[in-house]
């Protein structure tokens, strides 16, 4: 594996210089924190739920069978963020009914 570098112009000429051990540790720590932040997963899930709210309305044109399929899908969406504690290990998103 190559040594991570950063671009600098301290010498007046742009060049890549190796990252320090502290810089590498900071980058790795930020990556761990980002992987544990499921906030954007929840936001995406909330958008998906909002986009299919109409399927559960009393005046929805869907049959009872289709409403039930959508209700199941919506529950899968609500349960989705609990599938993992890391973004990198989240399973595929639930598939909406046709």
PDB file of N, CA and C in Angstrom:
ATOM      1  N   UNK A   1       0.849  -1.171   0.000  1.00  0.00           N
ATOM      2  CA  UNK A   1       0.000   0.000   0.000  1.00  0.00           C
ATOM      3  C   UNK A   1       0.893   1.232   0.000  1.00  0.00           C
ATOM      4  N   UNK A   2       0.522   2.223  -0.794  1.00  0.00           N
ATOM      5  CA  UNK A   2       1.334   3.438  -0.852  1.00  0.00           C
ATOM      6  C   UNK A   2       1.042   4.325   0.357  1.00  0.00           C
ATOM      7  N   UNK A   3       1.995   5.149   0.689  1.00  0.00           N
ATOM      8  CA  UNK A   3       1.854   6.073   1.811  1.00  0.00           C
ATOM      9  C   UNK A   3       0.899   7.190   1.422  1.00  0.00           C
ATOM     10  N   UNK A   4      -0.098   7.467   2.259  1.00  0.00           N
ATOM     11  CA  UNK A   4      -1.009   8.581   1.941  1.00  0.00           C
ATOM     12  C   UNK A   4      -0.248   9.902   1.912  1.00  0.00           C
ATOM     13  N   UNK A   5      -0.665  10.765   0.997  1.00  0.00           N
ATOM     14  CA  UNK A   5       0.004  12.057   0.867  1.00  0.00           C
ATOM     15  C   UNK A   5      -1.021  13.177   0.848  1.00  0.00           C
ATOM     16  N   UNK A   6      -0.522  14.380   1.026  1.00  0.00           N
ATOM     17  CA  UNK A   6      -1.348  15.571   0.868  1.00  0.00           C
ATOM     18  C   UNK A   6      -0.589  16.520  -0.040  1.00  0.00           C
ATOM     19  N   UNK A   7      -1.338  17.400  -0.678  1.00  0.00           N
ATOM     20  CA  UNK A   7      -0.743  18.365  -1.583  1.00  0.00           C
ATOM     21  C   UNK A   7      -0.377  19.616  -0.790  1.00  0.00           C
ATOM     22  N   UNK A   8       0.825  20.120  -0.996  1.00  0.00           N
ATOM     23  CA  UNK A   8       1.261  21.329  -0.294  1.00  0.00           C
ATOM     24  C   UNK A   8       1.975  22.257  -1.261  1.00  0.00           C
ATOM     25  N   UNK A   9       1.963  23.527  -0.906  1.00  0.00           N
ATOM     26  CA  UNK A   9       2.661  24.545  -1.690  1.00  0.00           C
ATOM     27  C   UNK A   9       3.588  25.341  -0.776  1.00  0.00           C
ATOM     28  N   UNK A  10       4.000  24.753   0.323  1.00  0.00           N
ATOM     29  CA  UNK A  10       4.843  25.452   1.291  1.00  0.00           C
ATOM     30  C   UNK A  10       6.186  25.851   0.694  1.00  0.00           C
ATOM     31  N   UNK A  11       6.672  25.085  -0.235  1.00  0.00           N
ATOM     32  CA  UNK A  11       7.975  25.383  -0.833  1.00  0.00           C
ATOM     33  C   UNK A  11       7.870  26.337  -2.019  1.00  0.00           C
ATOM     34  N   UNK A  12       6.641  26.715  -2.381  1.00  0.00           N
ATOM     35  CA  UNK A  12       6.441  27.558  -3.559  1.00  0.00           C
ATOM     36  C   UNK A  12       6.139  26.747  -4.801  1.00  0.00           C
ATOM     37  N   UNK A  13       6.306  25.435  -4.713  1.00  0.00           N
ATOM     38  CA  UNK A  13       6.003  24.525  -5.808  1.00  0.00           C
ATOM     39  C   UNK A  13       5.057  23.458  -5.270  1.00  0.00           C
ATOM     40  N   UNK A  14       3.994  23.191  -5.988  1.00  0.00           N
ATOM     41  CA  UNK A  14       3.053  22.173  -5.538  1.00  0.00           C
ATOM     42  C   UNK A  14       3.723  20.804  -5.541  1.00  0.00           C
ATOM     43  N   UNK A  15       3.578  20.089  -4.429  1.00  0.00           N
ATOM     44  CA  UNK A  15       4.154  18.750  -4.322  1.00  0.00           C
ATOM     45  C   UNK A  15       3.346  17.926  -3.329  1.00  0.00           C
ATOM     46  N   UNK A  16       3.402  16.638  -3.485  1.00  0.00           N
ATOM     47  CA  UNK A  16       2.780  15.717  -2.540  1.00  0.00           C
ATOM     48  C   UNK A  16       3.791  15.403  -1.449  1.00  0.00           C
ATOM     49  N   UNK A  17       3.331  15.477  -0.197  1.00  0.00           N
ATOM     50  CA  UNK A  17       4.192  15.109   0.929  1.00  0.00           C
ATOM     51  C   UNK A  17       3.469  14.049   1.743  1.00  0.00           C
ATOM     52  N   UNK A  18       4.207  13.149   2.352  1.00  0.00           N
ATOM     53  CA  UNK A  18       3.570  12.098   3.151  1.00  0.00           C
ATOM     54  C   UNK A  18       2.807  12.697   4.331  1.00  0.00           C
ATOM     55  N   UNK A  19       1.682  12.099   4.644  1.00  0.00           N
ATOM     56  CA  UNK A  19       0.928  12.507   5.831  1.00  0.00           C
ATOM     57  C   UNK A  19       1.678  12.062   7.074  1.00  0.00           C
ATOM     58  N   UNK A  20       1.522  12.841   8.125  1.00  0.00           N
ATOM     59  CA  UNK A  20       2.122  12.450   9.399  1.00  0.00           C
ATOM     60  C   UNK A  20       1.266  11.361  10.038  1.00  0.00           C
ATOM     61  N   UNK A  21       1.820  10.687  11.029  1.00  0.00           N
ATOM     62  CA  UNK A  21       1.058   9.655  11.737  1.00  0.00           C
ATOM     63  C   UNK A  21      -0.190  10.252  12.388  1.00  0.00           C
ATOM     64  N   UNK A  22      -0.077  11.476  12.918  1.00  0.00           N
ATOM     65  CA  UNK A  22      -1.236  12.142  13.520  1.00  0.00           C
ATOM     66  C   UNK A  22      -2.312  12.433  12.476  1.00  0.00           C
ATOM     67  N   UNK A  23      -1.916  12.882  11.291  1.00  0.00           N
ATOM     68  CA  UNK A  23      -2.886  13.154  10.232  1.00  0.00           C
ATOM     69  C   UNK A  23      -3.595  11.875   9.806  1.00  0.00           C
ATOM     70  N   UNK A  24      -2.845  10.814   9.681  1.00  0.00           N
ATOM     71  CA  UNK A  24      -3.443   9.525   9.309  1.00  0.00           C
ATOM     72  C   UNK A  24      -4.404   9.055  10.398  1.00  0.00           C
ATOM     73  N   UNK A  25      -4.017   9.182  11.649  1.00  0.00           N
ATOM     74  CA  UNK A  25      -4.887   8.772  12.762  1.00  0.00           C
ATOM     75  C   UNK A  25      -6.169   9.597  12.776  1.00  0.00           C
ATOM     76  N   UNK A  26      -6.067  10.899  12.515  1.00  0.00           N
ATOM     77  CA  UNK A  26      -7.253  11.754  12.470  1.00  0.00           C
ATOM     78  C   UNK A  26      -8.186  11.358  11.336  1.00  0.00           C
ATOM     79  N   UNK A  27      -7.641  11.072  10.186  1.00  0.00           N
ATOM     80  CA  UNK A  27      -8.456  10.643   9.040  1.00  0.00           C
ATOM     81  C   UNK A  27      -9.158   9.334   9.355  1.00  0.00           C
ATOM     82  N   UNK A  28      -8.439   8.396   9.946  1.00  0.00           N
ATOM     83  CA  UNK A  28      -9.043   7.108  10.300  1.00  0.00           C
ATOM     84  C   UNK A  28     -10.136   7.274  11.349  1.00  0.00           C
ATOM     85  N   UNK A  29      -9.913   8.152  12.325  1.00  0.00           N
ATOM     86  CA  UNK A  29     -10.923   8.396  13.362  1.00  0.00           C
ATOM     87  C   UNK A  29     -12.176   9.030  12.751  1.00  0.00           C
ATOM     88  N   UNK A  30     -11.998   9.967  11.821  1.00  0.00           N
ATOM     89  CA  UNK A  30     -13.152  10.585  11.166  1.00  0.00           C
ATOM     90  C   UNK A  30     -13.918   9.567  10.328  1.00  0.00           C
ATOM     91  N   UNK A  31     -13.201   8.639   9.702  1.00  0.00           N
ATOM     92  CA  UNK A  31     -13.866   7.610   8.901  1.00  0.00           C
ATOM     93  C   UNK A  31     -14.713   6.693   9.785  1.00  0.00           C
ATOM     94  N   UNK A  32     -14.206   6.353  10.958  1.00  0.00           N
ATOM     95  CA  UNK A  32     -14.961   5.519  11.894  1.00  0.00           C
ATOM     96  C   UNK A  32     -16.228   6.251  12.336  1.00  0.00           C
ATOM     97  N   UNK A  33     -16.101   7.526  12.665  1.00  0.00           N
ATOM     98  CA  UNK A  33     -17.265   8.314  13.078  1.00  0.00           C
ATOM     99  C   UNK A  33     -18.287   8.434  11.947  1.00  0.00           C
ATOM    100  N   UNK A  34     -17.819   8.676  10.737  1.00  0.00           N
ATOM    101  CA  UNK A  34     -18.727   8.797   9.599  1.00  0.00           C
ATOM    102  C   UNK A  34     -19.454   7.487   9.334  1.00  0.00           C
ATOM    103  N   UNK A  35     -18.761   6.367   9.498  1.00  0.00           N
ATOM    104  CA  UNK A  35     -19.373   5.056   9.267  1.00  0.00           C
ATOM    105  C   UNK A  35     -20.452   4.758  10.300  1.00  0.00           C
ATOM    106  N   UNK A  36     -20.341   5.347  11.477  1.00  0.00           N
ATOM    107  CA  UNK A  36     -21.324   5.110  12.544  1.00  0.00           C
ATOM    108  C   UNK A  36     -22.480   6.109  12.507  1.00  0.00           C
ATOM    109  N   UNK A  37     -22.404   7.115  11.643  1.00  0.00           N
ATOM    110  CA  UNK A  37     -23.446   8.142  11.575  1.00  0.00           C
ATOM    111  C   UNK A  37     -24.548   7.709  10.612  1.00  0.00           C
ATOM    112  N   UNK A  38     -25.639   7.224  11.178  1.00  0.00           N
ATOM    113  CA  UNK A  38     -26.748   6.751  10.358  1.00  0.00           C
ATOM    114  C   UNK A  38     -27.769   7.850  10.071  1.00  0.00           C
ATOM    115  N   UNK A  39     -27.440   9.085  10.386  1.00  0.00           N
ATOM    116  CA  UNK A  39     -28.369  10.188  10.186  1.00  0.00           C
ATOM    117  C   UNK A  39     -28.853  10.310   8.752  1.00  0.00           C
ATOM    118  N   UNK A  40     -27.946  10.223   7.790  1.00  0.00           N
ATOM    119  CA  UNK A  40     -28.391  10.359   6.397  1.00  0.00           C
ATOM    120  C   UNK A  40     -29.190   9.144   5.936  1.00  0.00           C
ATOM    121  N   UNK A  41     -28.930   7.983   6.537  1.00  0.00           N
ATOM    122  CA  UNK A  41     -29.732   6.790   6.229  1.00  0.00           C
ATOM    123  C   UNK A  41     -31.170   7.033   6.692  1.00  0.00           C
ATOM    124  N   UNK A  42     -31.316   7.563   7.898  1.00  0.00           N
ATOM    125  CA  UNK A  42     -32.659   7.861   8.412  1.00  0.00           C
ATOM    126  C   UNK A  42     -33.354   8.923   7.558  1.00  0.00           C
ATOM    127  N   UNK A  43     -32.601   9.929   7.133  1.00  0.00           N
ATOM    128  CA  UNK A  43     -33.190  10.967   6.278  1.00  0.00           C
ATOM    129  C   UNK A  43     -33.672  10.386   4.954  1.00  0.00           C
ATOM    130  N   UNK A  44     -32.885   9.517   4.357  1.00  0.00           N
ATOM    131  CA  UNK A  44     -33.293   8.871   3.111  1.00  0.00           C
ATOM    132  C   UNK A  44     -34.527   8.004   3.351  1.00  0.00           C
ATOM    133  N   UNK A  45     -34.521   7.268   4.443  1.00  0.00           N
ATOM    134  CA  UNK A  45     -35.671   6.422   4.788  1.00  0.00           C
ATOM    135  C   UNK A  45     -36.920   7.284   4.964  1.00  0.00           C
ATOM    136  N   UNK A  46     -36.790   8.407   5.666  1.00  0.00           N
ATOM    137  CA  UNK A  46     -37.933   9.288   5.885  1.00  0.00           C
ATOM    138  C   UNK A  46     -38.487   9.815   4.561  1.00  0.00           C
ATOM    139  N   UNK A  47     -37.607  10.110   3.630  1.00  0.00           N
ATOM    140  CA  UNK A  47     -38.043  10.551   2.304  1.00  0.00           C
ATOM    141  C   UNK A  47     -38.806   9.467   1.575  1.00  0.00           C
ATOM    142  N   UNK A  48     -38.314   8.236   1.670  1.00  0.00           N
ATOM    143  CA  UNK A  48     -39.012   7.105   1.038  1.00  0.00           C
ATOM    144  C   UNK A  48     -40.393   6.904   1.660  1.00  0.00           C
ATOM    145  N   UNK A  49     -40.463   7.021   2.990  1.00  0.00           N
ATOM    146  CA  UNK A  49     -41.758   6.883   3.667  1.00  0.00           C
ATOM    147  C   UNK A  49     -42.720   7.986   3.231  1.00  0.00           C
ATOM    148  N   UNK A  50     -42.221   9.218   3.190  1.00  0.00           N
ATOM    149  CA  UNK A  50     -43.075  10.332   2.788  1.00  0.00           C
ATOM    150  C   UNK A  50     -43.589  10.160   1.362  1.00  0.00           C
ATOM    151  N   UNK A  51     -42.756   9.582   0.509  1.00  0.00           N
ATOM    152  CA  UNK A  51     -43.137   9.394  -0.884  1.00  0.00           C
ATOM    153  C   UNK A  51     -44.223   8.364  -1.093  1.00  0.00           C
ATOM    154  N   UNK A  52     -44.461   7.529  -0.107  1.00  0.00           N
ATOM    155  CA  UNK A  52     -45.516   6.517  -0.259  1.00  0.00           C
ATOM    156  C   UNK A  52     -46.588   6.628   0.825  1.00  0.00           C
ATOM    157  N   UNK A  53     -46.649   7.757   1.498  1.00  0.00           N
ATOM    158  CA  UNK A  53     -47.710   7.984   2.483  1.00  0.00           C
ATOM    159  C   UNK A  53     -49.093   7.795   1.864  1.00  0.00           C
ATOM    160  N   UNK A  54     -49.249   8.240   0.638  1.00  0.00           N
ATOM    161  CA  UNK A  54     -50.548   8.187  -0.039  1.00  0.00           C
ATOM    162  C   UNK A  54     -51.103   6.772  -0.112  1.00  0.00           C
ATOM    163  N   UNK A  55     -50.233   5.772  -0.083  1.00  0.00           N
ATOM    164  CA  UNK A  55     -50.707   4.393  -0.232  1.00  0.00           C
ATOM    165  C   UNK A  55     -51.548   3.935   0.952  1.00  0.00           C
ATOM    166  N   UNK A  56     -51.434   4.625   2.080  1.00  0.00           N
ATOM    167  CA  UNK A  56     -52.155   4.206   3.279  1.00  0.00           C
ATOM    168  C   UNK A  56     -53.357   5.095   3.586  1.00  0.00           C
ATOM    169  N   UNK A  57     -53.612   6.079   2.740  1.00  0.00           N
ATOM    170  CA  UNK A  57     -54.745   6.979   2.959  1.00  0.00           C
ATOM    171  C   UNK A  57     -56.062   6.249   2.721  1.00  0.00           C
ATOM    172  N   UNK A  58     -57.081   6.684   3.435  1.00  0.00           N
ATOM    173  CA  UNK A  58     -58.400   6.048   3.315  1.00  0.00           C
ATOM    174  C   UNK A  58     -58.943   6.131   1.889  1.00  0.00           C
ATOM    175  N   UNK A  59     -58.616   7.226   1.176  1.00  0.00           N
ATOM    176  CA  UNK A  59     -59.130   7.381  -0.183  1.00  0.00           C
ATOM    177  C   UNK A  59     -58.126   6.939  -1.255  1.00  0.00           C
ATOM    178  N   UNK A  60     -57.144   6.152  -0.867  1.00  0.00           N
ATOM    179  CA  UNK A  60     -56.163   5.640  -1.824  1.00  0.00           C
ATOM    180  C   UNK A  60     -56.865   4.732  -2.840  1.00  0.00           C
ATOM    181  N   UNK A  61     -56.461   4.811  -4.112  1.00  0.00           N
ATOM    182  CA  UNK A  61     -57.098   3.976  -5.130  1.00  0.00           C
ATOM    183  C   UNK A  61     -56.619   2.516  -5.102  1.00  0.00           C
ATOM    184  N   UNK A  62     -55.752   2.171  -4.194  1.00  0.00           N
ATOM    185  CA  UNK A  62     -55.202   0.818  -4.149  1.00  0.00           C
ATOM    186  C   UNK A  62     -56.187  -0.178  -3.541  1.00  0.00           C
ATOM    187  N   UNK A  63     -56.067  -1.422  -3.989  1.00  0.00           N
ATOM    188  CA  UNK A  63     -56.876  -2.493  -3.389  1.00  0.00           C
ATOM    189  C   UNK A  63     -56.362  -2.761  -1.976  1.00  0.00           C
ATOM    190  N   UNK A  64     -57.151  -3.458  -1.188  1.00  0.00           N
ATOM    191  CA  UNK A  64     -56.727  -3.809   0.169  1.00  0.00           C
ATOM    192  C   UNK A  64     -55.452  -4.643   0.142  1.00  0.00           C
ATOM    193  N   UNK A  65     -55.335  -5.513  -0.844  1.00  0.00           N
ATOM    194  CA  UNK A  65     -54.136  -6.358  -0.975  1.00  0.00           C
ATOM    195  C   UNK A  65     -52.897  -5.496  -1.238  1.00  0.00           C
ATOM    196  N   UNK A  66     -53.022  -4.535  -2.154  1.00  0.00           N
ATOM    197  CA  UNK A  66     -51.888  -3.652  -2.462  1.00  0.00           C
ATOM    198  C   UNK A  66     -51.551  -2.751  -1.272  1.00  0.00           C
ATOM    199  N   UNK A  67     -52.574  -2.277  -0.562  1.00  0.00           N
ATOM    200  CA  UNK A  67     -52.323  -1.471   0.632  1.00  0.00           C
ATOM    201  C   UNK A  67     -51.526  -2.268   1.652  1.00  0.00           C
ATOM    202  N   UNK A  68     -51.870  -3.552   1.781  1.00  0.00           N
ATOM    203  CA  UNK A  68     -51.147  -4.414   2.725  1.00  0.00           C
ATOM    204  C   UNK A  68     -49.692  -4.591   2.289  1.00  0.00           C
ATOM    205  N   UNK A  69     -49.457  -4.751   0.981  1.00  0.00           N
ATOM    206  CA  UNK A  69     -48.084  -4.868   0.478  1.00  0.00           C
ATOM    207  C   UNK A  69     -47.293  -3.603   0.804  1.00  0.00           C
ATOM    208  N   UNK A  70     -47.922  -2.447   0.589  1.00  0.00           N
ATOM    209  CA  UNK A  70     -47.250  -1.186   0.885  1.00  0.00           C
ATOM    210  C   UNK A  70     -47.038  -1.010   2.379  1.00  0.00           C
ATOM    211  N   UNK A  71     -47.975  -1.460   3.181  1.00  0.00           N
ATOM    212  CA  UNK A  71     -47.816  -1.368   4.636  1.00  0.00           C
ATOM    213  C   UNK A  71     -46.620  -2.198   5.086  1.00  0.00           C
ATOM    214  N   UNK A  72     -46.456  -3.382   4.492  1.00  0.00           N
ATOM    215  CA  UNK A  72     -45.305  -4.233   4.814  1.00  0.00           C
ATOM    216  C   UNK A  72     -44.004  -3.552   4.408  1.00  0.00           C
ATOM    217  N   UNK A  73     -43.992  -2.980   3.210  1.00  0.00           N
ATOM    218  CA  UNK A  73     -42.812  -2.259   2.724  1.00  0.00           C
ATOM    219  C   UNK A  73     -42.470  -1.097   3.654  1.00  0.00           C
ATOM    220  N   UNK A  74     -43.490  -0.353   4.058  1.00  0.00           N
ATOM    221  CA  UNK A  74     -43.263   0.792   4.936  1.00  0.00           C
ATOM    222  C   UNK A  74     -42.709   0.347   6.287  1.00  0.00           C
ATOM    223  N   UNK A  75     -43.150  -0.798   6.774  1.00  0.00           N
ATOM    224  CA  UNK A  75     -42.589  -1.304   8.027  1.00  0.00           C
ATOM    225  C   UNK A  75     -41.132  -1.707   7.837  1.00  0.00           C
ATOM    226  N   UNK A  76     -40.821  -2.308   6.685  1.00  0.00           N
ATOM    227  CA  UNK A  76     -39.423  -2.647   6.385  1.00  0.00           C
ATOM    228  C   UNK A  76     -38.560  -1.384   6.357  1.00  0.00           C
ATOM    229  N   UNK A  77     -39.101  -0.300   5.807  1.00  0.00           N
ATOM    230  CA  UNK A  77     -38.364   0.968   5.800  1.00  0.00           C
ATOM    231  C   UNK A  77     -38.143   1.480   7.220  1.00  0.00           C
ATOM    232  N   UNK A  78     -39.180   1.399   8.054  1.00  0.00           N
ATOM    233  CA  UNK A  78     -39.028   1.878   9.435  1.00  0.00           C
ATOM    234  C   UNK A  78     -37.990   1.047  10.187  1.00  0.00           C
ATOM    235  N   UNK A  79     -37.923  -0.233   9.892  1.00  0.00           N
ATOM    236  CA  UNK A  79     -36.971  -1.123  10.566  1.00  0.00           C
ATOM    237  C   UNK A  79     -35.562  -1.044   9.980  1.00  0.00           C
ATOM    238  N   UNK A  80     -35.423  -0.480   8.798  1.00  0.00           N
ATOM    239  CA  UNK A  80     -34.149  -0.518   8.071  1.00  0.00           C
ATOM    240  C   UNK A  80     -32.947   0.014   8.849  1.00  0.00           C
ATOM    241  N   UNK A  81     -33.022   1.193   9.483  1.00  0.00           N
ATOM    242  CA  UNK A  81     -31.824   1.697  10.172  1.00  0.00           C
ATOM    243  C   UNK A  81     -31.317   0.784  11.287  1.00  0.00           C
ATOM    244  N   UNK A  82     -32.160  -0.060  11.833  1.00  0.00           N
ATOM    245  CA  UNK A  82     -31.747  -0.966  12.908  1.00  0.00           C
ATOM    246  C   UNK A  82     -31.027  -2.208  12.373  1.00  0.00           C
ATOM    247  N   UNK A  83     -30.905  -2.335  11.058  1.00  0.00           N
ATOM    248  CA  UNK A  83     -30.275  -3.513  10.463  1.00  0.00           C
ATOM    249  C   UNK A  83     -28.775  -3.582  10.728  1.00  0.00           C
ATOM    250  N   UNK A  84     -28.158  -2.427  11.012  1.00  0.00           N
ATOM    251  CA  UNK A  84     -26.726  -2.394  11.256  1.00  0.00           C
ATOM    252  C   UNK A  84     -26.386  -1.131  12.037  1.00  0.00           C
ATOM    253  N   UNK A  85     -25.242  -1.158  12.677  1.00  0.00           N
ATOM    254  CA  UNK A  85     -24.783   0.037  13.390  1.00  0.00           C
ATOM    255  C   UNK A  85     -23.720   0.790  12.599  1.00  0.00           C
ATOM    256  N   UNK A  86     -23.503   0.360  11.348  1.00  0.00           N
ATOM    257  CA  UNK A  86     -22.520   1.014  10.482  1.00  0.00           C
ATOM    258  C   UNK A  86     -23.092   1.177   9.085  1.00  0.00           C
ATOM    259  N   UNK A  87     -22.819   2.315   8.483  1.00  0.00           N
ATOM    260  CA  UNK A  87     -23.258   2.563   7.119  1.00  0.00           C
ATOM    261  C   UNK A  87     -22.662   1.528   6.169  1.00  0.00           C
ATOM    262  N   UNK A  88     -21.415   1.184   6.376  1.00  0.00           N
ATOM    263  CA  UNK A  88     -20.718   0.280   5.458  1.00  0.00           C
ATOM    264  C   UNK A  88     -21.262  -1.142   5.462  1.00  0.00           C
ATOM    265  N   UNK A  89     -22.039  -1.508   6.468  1.00  0.00           N
ATOM    266  CA  UNK A  89     -22.559  -2.876   6.528  1.00  0.00           C
ATOM    267  C   UNK A  89     -24.082  -2.935   6.390  1.00  0.00           C
ATOM    268  N   UNK A  90     -24.685  -1.823   5.966  1.00  0.00           N
ATOM    269  CA  UNK A  90     -26.131  -1.828   5.773  1.00  0.00           C
ATOM    270  C   UNK A  90     -26.487  -2.746   4.609  1.00  0.00           C
ATOM    271  N   UNK A  91     -27.576  -3.506   4.742  1.00  0.00           N
ATOM    272  CA  UNK A  91     -28.005  -4.348   3.620  1.00  0.00           C
ATOM    273  C   UNK A  91     -28.655  -3.497   2.531  1.00  0.00           C
ATOM    274  N   UNK A  92     -29.062  -4.129   1.463  1.00  0.00           N
ATOM    275  CA  UNK A  92     -29.755  -3.418   0.384  1.00  0.00           C
ATOM    276  C   UNK A  92     -31.073  -2.850   0.920  1.00  0.00           C
ATOM    277  N   UNK A  93     -31.481  -1.745   0.331  1.00  0.00           N
ATOM    278  CA  UNK A  93     -32.747  -1.133   0.716  1.00  0.00           C
ATOM    279  C   UNK A  93     -33.906  -2.050   0.366  1.00  0.00           C
ATOM    280  N   UNK A  94     -34.999  -1.998   1.132  1.00  0.00           N
ATOM    281  CA  UNK A  94     -36.191  -2.776   0.772  1.00  0.00           C
ATOM    282  C   UNK A  94     -36.701  -2.348  -0.603  1.00  0.00           C
ATOM    283  N   UNK A  95     -37.307  -3.280  -1.284  1.00  0.00           N
ATOM    284  CA  UNK A  95     -37.836  -3.006  -2.619  1.00  0.00           C
ATOM    285  C   UNK A  95     -39.327  -2.680  -2.515  1.00  0.00           C
ATOM    286  N   UNK A  96     -39.763  -1.559  -3.095  1.00  0.00           N
ATOM    287  CA  UNK A  96     -41.180  -1.218  -3.013  1.00  0.00           C
ATOM    288  C   UNK A  96     -42.027  -2.163  -3.877  1.00  0.00           C
ATOM    289  N   UNK A  97     -43.282  -2.325  -3.519  1.00  0.00           N
ATOM    290  CA  UNK A  97     -44.177  -3.143  -4.337  1.00  0.00           C
ATOM    291  C   UNK A  97     -44.341  -2.530  -5.725  1.00  0.00           C
ATOM    292  N   UNK A  98     -44.739  -3.356  -6.651  1.00  0.00           N
ATOM    293  CA  UNK A  98     -44.974  -2.861  -8.024  1.00  0.00           C
ATOM    294  C   UNK A  98     -46.353  -2.278  -8.131  1.00  0.00           C
TER     295      UNK A  98
END
